[in-house]
Amino acid sequence: MPAGLRIRVNRDAASSLTEQIGQTIRTAILDGRLKPGARLPSWRDLAAQLGVARGTVRAAYERLADELLVAASGPGGTHVAEQPLRAAPATVETPPPPQDRIAYSAAPLPFQLGVPAHDGFPVKLWTRIAVRATRAAAELPPSGPDPRGALELRAQLAGYLALARGIRCAPEQIIITRGFRDGLDLAIRTLRVEGRAAWMEEPGFSLTRSGLALAGMRPAAITVDEHGLDVQRGIAIAPDAAIAVVTAGQQAPLGVTLSSSRRHALLRWASHSGGWIIEDDYLSELQLDGRAAPAVMAMDRAGRVIYAASFSKTLSPSLGVGFVVVPPALAARFAEVAACLAPAPNIAIQLAVAELLRDGHYLRHLRRMKRLYAARRDALRTCLRGMTGVEAAGLAVILRLPQGSDDVAVARGARAHGLAPGALSTWYATDAARARGLLLGVTNLVDSGIQRACDRLKALVAPLY
């Protein structure tokens, strides 16, 4: 037996003798213990040494030959291939989530951002509607579905948007997506703006910023103040930007609404420069204080706004349903790109959401959730009374930390205590503007656990003051 090769067989093992022999030789070749050109024992000799049938060894050699690891040369015997193919790694590492995010598919924790109330989802109602929608989808003609999405859902959305967001549009202007990120990708592809600058709110959602960069764009951090995105700052920093991504209704994460003057300035910039506005309608439907401002798209007369939204925050991210509304002049082009690269999601889910809208269930659900979230936000603020730097921000409360605090470390340490606050600093792209604090989501704070969660949080941040 050649040096570097030691074969032992176990007749009680679950794997066959052929598999054991082949795996041992395979490992020796790939590890480099058997060099290219090294001669292997003949079937007869190795079978005699191991006390197995010659057919067992022959089968192992034939499998190795099929993998191009060995080569048989007739009377010359069997040799290790001169350039054996290296096996790919057996495992693929999954990239970890960003530092301020919970592991994917984990149950929501107190203070976690970006997930609706787990106990507020209308499970029974949804189950009944989903069963009907699944049956209706199964009875559809066996032809390809409309890549723009089910007409039933697009028609219901057109009516809803006119009522709730002030947007006048036809179903043909609506493309159903799997969520905001799909809508952003669809817009970048369709507008062909790769390689150009994109205004990005500062602070702003890190996944949107990363998505712009991965799509080949150059994100430019534009300051957000009490009036929203600073348009003049954007013009000064990146006057040639192709798009501006804004959360105009409730800015993420600060919760401010883009003022009327800033909206007009943004529309003027887009019209004069040929830029596009991607309006991420983040949480606008869930305005807890007063009535939500109309969408920026409702003010657009030049056809420069693309409105993107989803049902992730109002219903559930697991549904994977969102949509974009595009100007009439772009409708055909968006539809073509969607047909080729981003077709609409599961038709049954679309039909179920359409029924929620048609029968008024969705609006009633929104009213219930606004009352629930307002109560939980107010309860959290009461628990934090006496602490400095506490302010409401949409569906979160910001707890600002002393200058120099490591909010990322605090947020990470909170995981061990069953809490999931977000680190405010991770929403910033530039060190000069970076602020330190914790974003405390209110959606999954059940009444019985609010005080306990607050007590744990206070104990964690007390050493910082």
Protein backbone atom coordinates (compact mmCIF):
# COMPACT_ATOMS: atom_id res chain seq x y z
CA MET A 1 0.00 0.00 0.00
CA PRO A 2 1.51 3.40 -0.98
CA ALA A 3 2.76 5.82 1.66
CA GLY A 4 0.07 8.22 2.78
CA LEU A 5 -2.70 5.66 2.33
CA ARG A 6 -4.05 3.73 5.32
CA ILE A 7 -7.37 2.04 4.73
CA ARG A 8 -9.43 0.49 7.48
CA VAL A 9 -12.88 -0.96 6.91
CA ASN A 10 -15.64 -1.36 9.46
CA ARG A 11 -18.22 -3.98 8.60
CA ASP A 12 -20.57 -2.62 11.28
CA ALA A 13 -20.60 0.93 9.88
CA ALA A 14 -23.69 2.36 8.20
CA SER A 15 -21.77 3.09 4.98
CA SER A 16 -20.89 0.28 2.58
CA LEU A 17 -17.38 -1.15 2.23
CA THR A 18 -17.16 0.37 -1.25
CA GLU A 19 -18.00 3.81 0.15
CA GLN A 20 -15.46 3.45 2.98
CA ILE A 21 -12.64 2.49 0.61
CA GLY A 22 -13.50 5.18 -1.93
CA GLN A 23 -13.81 7.91 0.70
CA THR A 24 -10.46 7.06 2.28
CA ILE A 25 -8.65 7.21 -1.08
CA ARG A 26 -10.56 10.35 -2.10
CA THR A 27 -9.56 12.16 1.10
CA ALA A 28 -5.91 11.12 0.73
CA ILE A 29 -5.83 12.51 -2.83
CA LEU A 30 -7.52 15.81 -1.99
CA ASP A 31 -5.38 16.28 1.12
CA GLY A 32 -2.23 15.78 -0.95
CA ARG A 33 -1.12 12.66 0.87
CA LEU A 34 -1.38 10.75 -2.41
CA LYS A 35 0.57 12.70 -5.03
CA PRO A 36 -0.37 12.95 -8.73
CA GLY A 37 0.89 9.90 -10.58
CA ALA A 38 1.07 7.69 -7.47
CA ARG A 39 0.15 4.10 -8.27
CA LEU A 40 -2.66 2.43 -6.34
CA PRO A 41 -2.70 -1.26 -5.44
CA SER A 42 -4.44 -3.54 -7.91
CA TRP A 43 -7.99 -4.64 -7.17
CA ARG A 44 -6.73 -8.11 -6.28
CA ASP A 45 -3.94 -6.95 -3.97
CA LEU A 46 -6.04 -4.37 -2.09
CA ALA A 47 -8.94 -6.79 -1.76
CA ALA A 48 -6.59 -9.38 -0.27
CA GLN A 49 -5.08 -6.86 2.15
CA LEU A 50 -8.49 -5.69 3.36
CA GLY A 51 -10.20 -9.07 3.27
CA VAL A 52 -12.98 -7.95 0.94
CA ALA A 53 -14.22 -9.06 -2.46
CA ARG A 54 -12.37 -7.81 -5.55
CA GLY A 55 -15.63 -6.41 -6.93
CA THR A 56 -15.90 -4.16 -3.86
CA VAL A 57 -12.52 -2.55 -4.58
CA ARG A 58 -13.22 -2.36 -8.30
CA ALA A 59 -16.47 -0.46 -7.67
CA ALA A 60 -14.62 2.01 -5.42
CA TYR A 61 -11.96 2.60 -8.10
CA GLU A 62 -14.60 3.09 -10.80
CA ARG A 63 -16.33 5.79 -8.73
CA LEU A 64 -13.02 7.57 -8.21
CA ALA A 65 -12.38 7.40 -11.95
CA ASP A 66 -15.81 8.88 -12.63
CA GLU A 67 -14.80 11.81 -10.39
CA LEU A 68 -11.55 12.20 -12.41
CA LEU A 69 -9.49 11.58 -9.29
CA VAL A 70 -7.79 8.40 -10.62
CA ALA A 71 -7.05 7.02 -14.08
CA ALA A 72 -6.75 3.37 -15.15
CA SER A 73 -4.08 2.55 -17.74
CA GLY A 74 -4.66 -1.16 -18.39
CA PRO A 75 -1.57 -3.22 -17.60
CA GLY A 76 0.05 -0.13 -16.09
CA GLY A 77 -2.43 -0.21 -13.21
CA THR A 78 -4.42 2.60 -11.61
CA HIS A 79 -2.78 5.93 -10.80
CA VAL A 80 -3.76 9.17 -9.12
CA ALA A 81 -4.74 11.66 -11.85
CA GLU A 82 -2.09 14.18 -12.81
CA GLN A 83 -4.46 17.09 -12.04
CA PRO A 84 -7.20 15.76 -9.76
CA LEU A 85 -10.25 17.97 -9.52
CA ARG A 86 -10.52 19.60 -6.12
CA ALA A 87 -13.85 19.23 -4.39
CA ALA A 88 -15.78 22.34 -3.50
CA PRO A 89 -16.15 23.11 0.22
CA ALA A 90 -18.78 20.91 1.83
CA THR A 91 -20.44 23.81 3.61
CA VAL A 92 -21.32 27.35 2.65
CA GLU A 93 -21.20 29.97 5.34
CA THR A 94 -24.24 32.18 5.69
CA PRO A 95 -23.22 35.82 6.17
CA PRO A 96 -24.18 37.08 9.61
CA PRO A 97 -26.86 39.75 9.90
CA PRO A 98 -25.68 43.33 10.55
CA GLN A 99 -24.74 44.06 14.13
CA ASP A 100 -27.98 45.87 14.88
CA ARG A 101 -30.26 43.19 13.47
CA ILE A 102 -31.78 40.05 14.95
CA ALA A 103 -31.01 36.70 13.32
CA TYR A 104 -33.35 36.01 10.43
CA SER A 105 -36.58 34.09 11.20
CA ALA A 106 -36.13 34.52 14.97
CA ALA A 107 -39.15 35.33 17.14
CA PRO A 108 -39.51 39.09 17.78
CA LEU A 109 -38.07 40.43 21.03
CA PRO A 110 -39.03 43.51 23.07
CA PHE A 111 -37.85 46.76 21.42
CA GLN A 112 -37.18 45.04 18.08
CA LEU A 113 -37.60 47.31 15.07
CA GLY A 114 -39.20 46.61 11.73
CA VAL A 115 -41.72 43.93 12.70
CA PRO A 116 -45.44 44.43 13.34
CA ALA A 117 -47.14 43.26 16.51
CA HIS A 118 -47.09 39.49 16.54
CA ASP A 119 -50.25 39.43 18.64
CA GLY A 120 -52.03 41.93 16.40
CA PHE A 121 -52.13 39.93 13.17
CA PRO A 122 -55.73 38.84 12.31
CA VAL A 123 -54.92 35.13 12.11
CA LYS A 124 -58.47 33.75 11.89
CA LEU A 125 -59.60 36.30 9.32
CA TRP A 126 -56.48 35.83 7.23
CA THR A 127 -56.80 32.04 7.33
CA ARG A 128 -60.38 32.15 5.99
CA ILE A 129 -59.47 34.60 3.25
CA ALA A 130 -56.27 32.73 2.34
CA VAL A 131 -58.19 29.45 1.88
CA ARG A 132 -60.61 31.13 -0.52
CA ALA A 133 -57.77 32.84 -2.36
CA THR A 134 -55.84 29.58 -2.75
CA ARG A 135 -58.89 27.89 -4.21
CA ALA A 136 -59.49 30.81 -6.58
CA ALA A 137 -55.86 30.74 -7.69
CA ALA A 138 -56.06 27.01 -8.38
CA GLU A 139 -59.10 27.57 -10.61
CA LEU A 140 -57.41 30.18 -12.80
CA PRO A 141 -56.63 29.27 -16.43
CA PRO A 142 -53.25 27.50 -16.76
CA SER A 143 -51.61 30.43 -18.51
CA GLY A 144 -48.84 32.69 -17.30
CA PRO A 145 -50.00 35.26 -14.71
CA ASP A 146 -49.67 38.97 -15.41
CA PRO A 147 -46.10 39.89 -14.37
CA ARG A 148 -47.42 43.23 -13.09
CA GLY A 149 -49.55 41.39 -10.55
CA ALA A 150 -53.18 40.36 -10.24
CA LEU A 151 -55.53 42.95 -11.72
CA GLU A 152 -57.85 42.48 -8.71
CA LEU A 153 -55.12 43.65 -6.33
CA ARG A 154 -53.90 46.48 -8.54
CA ALA A 155 -57.45 47.80 -8.94
CA GLN A 156 -58.06 47.69 -5.18
CA LEU A 157 -54.75 49.44 -4.54
CA ALA A 158 -55.61 52.22 -7.00
CA GLY A 159 -58.80 52.94 -5.08
CA TYR A 160 -57.12 52.69 -1.68
CA LEU A 161 -54.24 54.99 -2.65
CA ALA A 162 -56.62 57.67 -3.88
CA LEU A 163 -58.42 57.58 -0.53
CA ALA A 164 -55.53 57.13 1.89
CA ARG A 165 -52.50 58.70 0.18
CA GLY A 166 -53.99 61.19 -2.28
CA ILE A 167 -52.46 59.37 -5.28
CA ARG A 168 -54.57 59.30 -8.44
CA CYS A 169 -53.42 56.41 -10.58
CA ALA A 170 -54.70 53.63 -12.83
CA PRO A 171 -54.12 49.91 -12.17
CA GLU A 172 -51.77 49.89 -15.17
CA GLN A 173 -49.38 52.14 -13.25
CA ILE A 174 -49.05 49.66 -10.38
CA ILE A 175 -46.52 46.80 -10.31
CA ILE A 176 -46.80 44.23 -7.52
CA THR A 177 -43.45 43.35 -5.92
CA ARG A 178 -42.14 41.26 -3.04
CA GLY A 179 -41.46 44.35 -0.93
CA PHE A 180 -39.73 47.72 -0.95
CA ARG A 181 -36.29 46.33 -1.77
CA ASP A 182 -37.65 44.54 -4.84
CA GLY A 183 -39.32 47.79 -5.85
CA LEU A 184 -36.07 49.72 -5.45
CA ASP A 185 -34.19 47.16 -7.53
CA LEU A 186 -36.90 47.25 -10.20
CA ALA A 187 -36.68 51.05 -10.35
CA ILE A 188 -32.88 51.09 -10.65
CA ARG A 189 -32.95 48.50 -13.44
CA THR A 190 -35.76 50.18 -15.34
CA LEU A 191 -34.41 53.72 -15.06
CA ARG A 192 -30.89 52.49 -15.97
CA VAL A 193 -29.18 54.69 -13.40
CA GLU A 194 -26.43 52.29 -12.34
CA GLY A 195 -23.13 54.02 -11.74
CA ARG A 196 -24.67 57.38 -10.86
CA ALA A 197 -25.11 59.15 -7.53
CA ALA A 198 -28.16 58.61 -5.31
CA TRP A 199 -29.31 60.88 -2.50
CA MET A 200 -29.68 58.85 0.68
CA GLU A 201 -31.05 60.21 3.94
CA GLU A 202 -28.56 60.74 6.78
CA PRO A 203 -29.46 58.98 9.02
CA GLY A 204 -31.14 56.37 6.86
CA PHE A 205 -31.84 52.66 6.60
CA SER A 206 -28.56 50.78 6.24
CA LEU A 207 -30.02 48.07 4.00
CA THR A 208 -31.27 50.67 1.54
CA ARG A 209 -27.84 52.31 1.51
CA SER A 210 -26.14 48.94 0.99
CA GLY A 211 -28.68 48.01 -1.67
CA LEU A 212 -27.91 51.16 -3.65
CA ALA A 213 -24.19 50.41 -3.50
CA LEU A 214 -24.67 46.77 -4.49
CA ALA A 215 -26.77 47.92 -7.44
CA GLY A 216 -23.80 49.95 -8.65
CA MET A 217 -24.93 53.36 -7.44
CA ARG A 218 -22.98 55.90 -5.37
CA PRO A 219 -24.98 56.79 -2.22
CA ALA A 220 -24.54 60.41 -1.11
CA ALA A 221 -25.44 61.05 2.54
CA ILE A 222 -27.85 64.01 2.74
CA THR A 223 -28.62 65.47 6.15
CA VAL A 224 -32.08 65.12 7.69
CA ASP A 225 -33.25 67.81 10.13
CA GLU A 226 -36.57 68.66 11.76
CA HIS A 227 -38.02 69.44 8.31
CA GLY A 228 -36.82 66.22 6.68
CA LEU A 229 -34.32 65.79 3.85
CA ASP A 230 -32.22 68.94 3.28
CA VAL A 231 -32.72 69.38 -0.47
CA GLN A 232 -30.29 72.30 -0.78
CA ARG A 233 -27.63 70.21 0.91
CA GLY A 234 -28.28 67.46 -1.62
CA ILE A 235 -27.90 69.88 -4.53
CA ALA A 236 -24.63 71.11 -3.06
CA ILE A 237 -23.18 67.65 -2.47
CA ALA A 238 -24.48 65.72 -5.48
CA PRO A 239 -26.23 68.00 -7.98
CA ASP A 240 -25.99 65.34 -10.71
CA ALA A 241 -27.69 62.60 -8.66
CA ALA A 242 -29.98 60.31 -10.64
CA ILE A 243 -32.34 59.46 -7.80
CA ALA A 244 -33.28 60.57 -4.30
CA VAL A 245 -34.61 57.95 -1.91
CA VAL A 246 -36.80 59.55 0.75
CA THR A 247 -39.05 58.37 3.57
CA ALA A 248 -41.24 61.45 3.39
CA GLY A 249 -44.20 60.42 5.55
CA GLN A 250 -42.27 59.28 8.64
CA GLN A 251 -38.53 59.48 8.19
CA ALA A 252 -36.65 56.35 9.14
CA PRO A 253 -35.44 56.42 11.88
CA LEU A 254 -36.16 59.93 13.22
CA GLY A 255 -39.89 59.94 12.48
CA VAL A 256 -40.07 63.51 11.09
CA THR A 257 -42.39 64.35 8.20
CA LEU A 258 -40.94 66.02 5.11
CA SER A 259 -42.23 69.59 5.22
CA SER A 260 -44.30 71.12 2.44
CA SER A 261 -41.53 73.50 1.41
CA ARG A 262 -39.01 70.65 1.22
CA ARG A 263 -41.45 68.59 -0.84
CA HIS A 264 -41.81 71.40 -3.38
CA ALA A 265 -38.04 71.89 -3.44
CA LEU A 266 -37.49 68.16 -4.01
CA LEU A 267 -39.98 68.11 -6.88
CA ARG A 268 -38.36 71.18 -8.44
CA TRP A 269 -34.94 69.54 -8.24
CA ALA A 270 -36.23 66.38 -9.94
CA SER A 271 -38.01 68.33 -12.68
CA HIS A 272 -35.08 70.66 -13.44
CA SER A 273 -32.27 68.08 -13.16
CA GLY A 274 -34.04 65.10 -14.73
CA GLY A 275 -33.66 63.17 -11.49
CA TRP A 276 -36.11 60.69 -10.02
CA ILE A 277 -37.63 60.54 -6.55
CA ILE A 278 -38.07 57.09 -5.01
CA GLU A 279 -40.68 57.66 -2.31
CA ASP A 280 -40.38 54.92 0.32
CA ASP A 281 -43.74 55.25 2.08
CA TYR A 282 -42.28 53.90 5.29
CA LEU A 283 -44.94 53.80 8.05
CA SER A 284 -47.00 56.65 6.59
CA GLU A 285 -50.16 54.57 6.99
CA LEU A 286 -49.28 54.14 10.67
CA GLN A 287 -49.05 57.81 11.64
CA LEU A 288 -49.90 57.68 15.35
CA ASP A 289 -50.44 61.42 15.87
CA GLY A 290 -52.90 63.15 13.58
CA ARG A 291 -53.58 62.43 9.95
CA ALA A 292 -50.84 61.25 7.63
CA ALA A 293 -49.59 63.81 5.11
CA PRO A 294 -50.40 63.06 1.46
CA ALA A 295 -47.72 61.25 -0.49
CA VAL A 296 -45.14 63.29 -2.40
CA MET A 297 -46.41 61.53 -5.52
CA ALA A 298 -49.78 63.18 -4.96
CA MET A 299 -48.08 66.56 -5.61
CA ASP A 300 -46.08 65.42 -8.64
CA ARG A 301 -47.12 67.07 -11.91
CA ALA A 302 -43.98 66.32 -13.91
CA GLY A 303 -44.02 62.52 -13.55
CA ARG A 304 -40.75 62.27 -11.58
CA VAL A 305 -41.90 60.25 -8.54
CA ILE A 306 -41.92 56.48 -8.14
CA TYR A 307 -43.88 55.46 -5.07
CA ALA A 308 -42.88 52.23 -3.31
CA ALA A 309 -44.59 50.56 -0.37
CA SER A 310 -45.25 47.15 1.14
CA PHE A 311 -47.49 45.33 3.58
CA SER A 312 -44.55 44.25 5.73
CA LYS A 313 -45.13 46.74 8.55
CA THR A 314 -48.93 46.80 8.42
CA LEU A 315 -49.60 43.06 8.03
CA SER A 316 -46.52 40.82 8.06
CA PRO A 317 -43.13 40.69 6.31
CA SER A 318 -43.67 36.96 5.80
CA LEU A 319 -46.36 37.71 3.18
CA GLY A 320 -43.73 39.17 0.87
CA VAL A 321 -46.07 41.60 -0.90
CA GLY A 322 -45.34 45.18 -1.90
CA PHE A 323 -45.92 47.44 -4.88
CA VAL A 324 -44.66 50.41 -6.84
CA VAL A 325 -46.68 53.12 -8.54
CA VAL A 326 -44.98 54.67 -11.55
CA PRO A 327 -45.77 57.67 -13.77
CA PRO A 328 -47.92 56.79 -16.82
CA ALA A 329 -45.01 57.38 -19.22
CA LEU A 330 -42.97 54.66 -17.45
CA ALA A 331 -45.71 52.06 -17.00
CA ALA A 332 -44.96 50.02 -20.13
CA ARG A 333 -41.20 50.00 -19.51
CA PHE A 334 -41.61 48.92 -15.86
CA ALA A 335 -44.00 46.17 -16.94
CA GLU A 336 -41.48 44.87 -19.47
CA VAL A 337 -38.65 44.73 -16.95
CA ALA A 338 -40.93 43.08 -14.39
CA ALA A 339 -41.93 40.44 -16.92
CA CYS A 340 -38.29 39.57 -17.60
CA LEU A 341 -36.60 40.05 -14.24
CA ALA A 342 -39.03 40.66 -11.37
CA PRO A 343 -42.43 38.98 -11.82
CA ALA A 344 -45.10 39.46 -9.17
CA PRO A 345 -45.22 37.13 -6.12
CA ASN A 346 -47.56 34.24 -5.37
CA ILE A 347 -50.97 34.86 -6.96
CA ALA A 348 -52.92 33.39 -4.03
CA ILE A 349 -51.33 35.85 -1.58
CA GLN A 350 -52.17 38.69 -3.95
CA LEU A 351 -55.82 37.64 -4.17
CA ALA A 352 -56.02 37.40 -0.38
CA VAL A 353 -54.65 40.93 0.09
CA ALA A 354 -57.08 42.17 -2.57
CA GLU A 355 -59.99 40.77 -0.57
CA LEU A 356 -58.71 42.44 2.60
CA LEU A 357 -58.77 45.76 0.77
CA ARG A 358 -62.06 45.21 -1.05
CA ASP A 359 -64.09 44.28 2.03
CA GLY A 360 -62.69 47.00 4.31
CA HIS A 361 -60.76 44.60 6.53
CA TYR A 362 -57.46 46.33 5.85
CA LEU A 363 -58.61 49.80 6.91
CA ARG A 364 -60.21 48.39 10.07
CA HIS A 365 -56.98 46.51 10.82
CA LEU A 366 -54.96 49.72 10.42
CA ARG A 367 -57.21 51.58 12.84
CA ARG A 368 -56.84 48.82 15.44
CA MET A 369 -53.07 48.71 15.05
CA LYS A 370 -52.72 52.49 15.38
CA ARG A 371 -54.63 52.41 18.66
CA LEU A 372 -52.55 49.47 19.88
CA TYR A 373 -49.22 51.03 18.92
CA ALA A 374 -50.11 54.42 20.37
CA ALA A 375 -50.99 52.79 23.69
CA ARG A 376 -47.74 50.82 23.73
CA ARG A 377 -45.66 53.87 22.81
CA ASP A 378 -47.27 55.93 25.57
CA ALA A 379 -46.75 53.13 28.09
CA LEU A 380 -43.08 52.92 27.16
CA ARG A 381 -42.60 56.66 27.51
CA THR A 382 -44.22 56.49 30.94
CA CYS A 383 -41.80 53.74 31.97
CA LEU A 384 -38.85 55.84 30.77
CA ARG A 385 -40.04 58.98 32.56
CA GLY A 386 -37.17 60.68 34.31
CA MET A 387 -34.56 59.59 31.76
CA THR A 388 -33.03 62.26 29.54
CA GLY A 389 -32.99 62.15 25.75
CA VAL A 390 -36.29 60.30 25.27
CA GLU A 391 -38.29 61.19 22.14
CA ALA A 392 -40.97 59.54 20.00
CA ALA A 393 -40.02 58.52 16.46
CA GLY A 394 -42.76 56.82 14.50
CA LEU A 395 -43.21 53.29 15.82
CA ALA A 396 -40.15 53.66 18.03
CA VAL A 397 -38.87 55.70 20.94
CA ILE A 398 -35.34 57.06 20.74
CA LEU A 399 -33.26 56.97 23.90
CA ARG A 400 -30.24 59.15 23.24
CA LEU A 401 -27.08 58.11 25.07
CA PRO A 402 -24.27 60.33 26.40
CA GLN A 403 -21.64 61.43 23.89
CA GLY A 404 -18.96 58.80 23.47
CA SER A 405 -21.24 55.88 24.39
CA ASP A 406 -20.92 52.69 22.36
CA ASP A 407 -24.55 52.13 21.42
CA VAL A 408 -23.64 49.15 19.23
CA ALA A 409 -22.09 47.38 22.22
CA VAL A 410 -25.11 48.24 24.39
CA ALA A 411 -27.51 46.90 21.76
CA ARG A 412 -25.46 43.73 21.36
CA GLY A 413 -25.27 43.22 25.13
CA ALA A 414 -29.03 43.61 25.42
CA ARG A 415 -29.52 40.41 23.40
CA ALA A 416 -28.31 38.38 26.38
CA HIS A 417 -31.13 39.91 28.42
CA GLY A 418 -33.85 39.08 25.90
CA LEU A 419 -34.06 42.63 24.49
CA ALA A 420 -33.48 43.86 20.94
CA PRO A 421 -32.99 47.63 20.77
CA GLY A 422 -31.38 49.03 17.64
CA ALA A 423 -28.21 51.12 17.69
CA LEU A 424 -28.91 54.59 16.31
CA SER A 425 -25.33 55.10 15.14
CA THR A 426 -25.62 52.29 12.56
CA TRP A 427 -28.14 54.38 10.63
CA TYR A 428 -25.44 56.94 9.82
CA ALA A 429 -22.95 56.74 6.97
CA THR A 430 -20.65 59.57 8.09
CA ASP A 431 -18.81 59.88 11.38
CA ALA A 432 -19.28 63.65 11.50
CA ALA A 433 -23.07 63.34 11.79
CA ARG A 434 -23.16 60.13 13.82
CA ALA A 435 -25.34 60.19 16.95
CA ARG A 436 -25.42 57.65 19.75
CA GLY A 437 -28.62 56.19 21.09
CA LEU A 438 -31.01 53.28 21.18
CA LEU A 439 -34.05 52.82 18.95
CA LEU A 440 -36.76 51.11 20.98
CA GLY A 441 -39.48 49.56 18.84
CA VAL A 442 -42.91 49.66 20.48
CA THR A 443 -44.84 47.17 18.32
CA ASN A 444 -44.10 43.98 20.26
CA LEU A 445 -44.22 45.37 23.80
CA VAL A 446 -47.07 43.45 25.41
CA ASP A 447 -48.66 45.10 28.42
CA SER A 448 -47.52 42.48 30.90
CA GLY A 449 -43.87 42.80 29.89
CA ILE A 450 -43.31 46.52 29.35
CA GLN A 451 -42.20 47.34 32.89
CA ARG A 452 -39.91 44.33 33.08
CA ALA A 453 -38.30 45.19 29.73
CA CYS A 454 -37.80 48.79 30.82
CA ASP A 455 -36.20 47.75 34.09
CA ARG A 456 -33.71 45.55 32.24
CA LEU A 457 -32.95 48.35 29.81
CA LYS A 458 -32.40 50.93 32.58
CA ALA A 459 -29.98 48.58 34.33
CA LEU A 460 -27.99 48.20 31.09
CA VAL A 461 -27.64 51.91 30.35
CA ALA A 462 -27.31 53.19 33.94
CA PRO A 463 -23.47 52.89 33.95
CA LEU A 464 -23.31 55.28 30.96
CA TYR A 465 -24.73 58.24 32.87
